[in-house]
Amino acid sequence: MGTVLCSARATVLLYDEAQKQWVAAGGGPQTPSCVQLYHHPGTHAFRLVGRKMQPDQQVGAPMGAGGGGTCGGRG
């Protein structure tokens, strides 16, 4: 799976060419996501993973099974 290099709480946006503006990813209300950068030392590959956070989830709380750590714990 790799090592988490950094984690951050972020709002994930996608650019909508038709509207010529940034819109919240996934549609619906804008909610924060936990975005993590992973590094696999064996293959020197990097992976960027984003997961929507639950409304009551605190920054630094465990992400659950397969979550790879905490979100926002490294600033």
Protein backbone atom coordinates (compact mmCIF):
# COMPACT_ATOMS: atom_id res chain seq x y z
CA MET A 1 0.00 0.00 0.00
CA GLY A 2 2.80 2.44 0.81
CA THR A 3 3.62 5.10 3.35
CA VAL A 4 1.51 8.20 3.95
CA LEU A 5 3.76 11.19 3.27
CA CYS A 6 1.17 13.81 4.19
CA SER A 7 -2.52 14.22 4.92
CA ALA A 8 -4.74 17.26 4.66
CA ARG A 9 -8.37 18.19 5.05
CA ALA A 10 -9.44 19.80 1.79
CA THR A 11 -12.36 20.71 -0.40
CA VAL A 12 -12.05 18.78 -3.66
CA LEU A 13 -13.11 20.68 -6.78
CA LEU A 14 -13.38 19.82 -10.48
CA TYR A 15 -13.34 22.32 -13.34
CA ASP A 16 -16.59 22.35 -15.34
CA GLU A 17 -15.73 23.39 -18.91
CA ALA A 18 -19.38 24.10 -19.80
CA GLN A 19 -19.87 26.49 -16.86
CA LYS A 20 -16.25 27.75 -16.93
CA GLN A 21 -16.00 27.45 -13.15
CA TRP A 22 -14.84 25.14 -10.35
CA VAL A 23 -17.55 22.94 -8.79
CA ALA A 24 -17.56 20.60 -5.80
CA ALA A 25 -16.54 17.04 -6.71
CA GLY A 26 -19.28 14.45 -6.40
CA GLY A 27 -22.13 16.94 -6.63
CA GLY A 28 -24.40 17.73 -3.74
CA PRO A 29 -23.35 19.84 -0.77
CA GLN A 30 -19.71 20.79 -0.44
CA THR A 31 -18.11 18.67 2.30
CA PRO A 32 -14.46 18.36 3.32
CA SER A 33 -12.37 15.40 2.22
CA CYS A 34 -9.29 13.76 3.66
CA VAL A 35 -6.60 13.90 0.95
CA GLN A 36 -3.49 11.77 1.47
CA LEU A 37 -0.27 11.38 -0.54
CA TYR A 38 1.16 7.84 -0.47
CA HIS A 39 4.63 6.69 -1.55
CA HIS A 40 5.47 3.08 -2.45
CA PRO A 41 9.25 2.77 -1.87
CA GLY A 42 9.63 -0.46 -3.87
CA THR A 43 8.30 1.01 -7.11
CA HIS A 44 8.96 4.70 -6.36
CA ALA A 45 5.30 5.31 -7.21
CA PHE A 46 3.11 8.01 -5.68
CA ARG A 47 -0.65 7.89 -5.18
CA LEU A 48 -3.07 10.67 -4.24
CA VAL A 49 -6.19 9.42 -2.43
CA GLY A 50 -9.22 11.46 -1.38
CA ARG A 51 -12.07 10.28 0.86
CA LYS A 52 -15.11 12.29 1.90
CA MET A 53 -15.18 12.91 5.63
CA GLN A 54 -18.30 12.33 7.69
CA PRO A 55 -19.91 15.57 8.95
CA ASP A 56 -19.10 14.67 12.58
CA GLN A 57 -15.58 13.32 11.88
CA GLN A 58 -12.82 15.22 13.62
CA VAL A 59 -9.48 16.05 12.02
CA GLY A 60 -6.92 13.59 13.35
CA ALA A 61 -9.52 10.86 13.95
CA PRO A 62 -8.70 7.41 12.55
CA MET A 63 -9.99 6.93 9.01
CA GLY A 64 -11.18 3.35 9.62
CA ALA A 65 -10.32 0.12 7.84
CA GLY A 66 -7.79 0.68 5.09
CA GLY A 67 -7.66 4.40 5.79
CA GLY A 68 -3.92 4.52 6.16
CA GLY A 69 -3.76 6.82 9.16
CA THR A 70 -5.19 10.14 10.21
CA CYS A 71 -6.21 13.20 8.29
CA GLY A 72 -4.68 16.57 9.04
CA GLY A 73 -2.32 15.21 11.66
CA ARG A 74 0.73 16.50 9.83
CA GLY A 75 -0.48 20.02 9.17
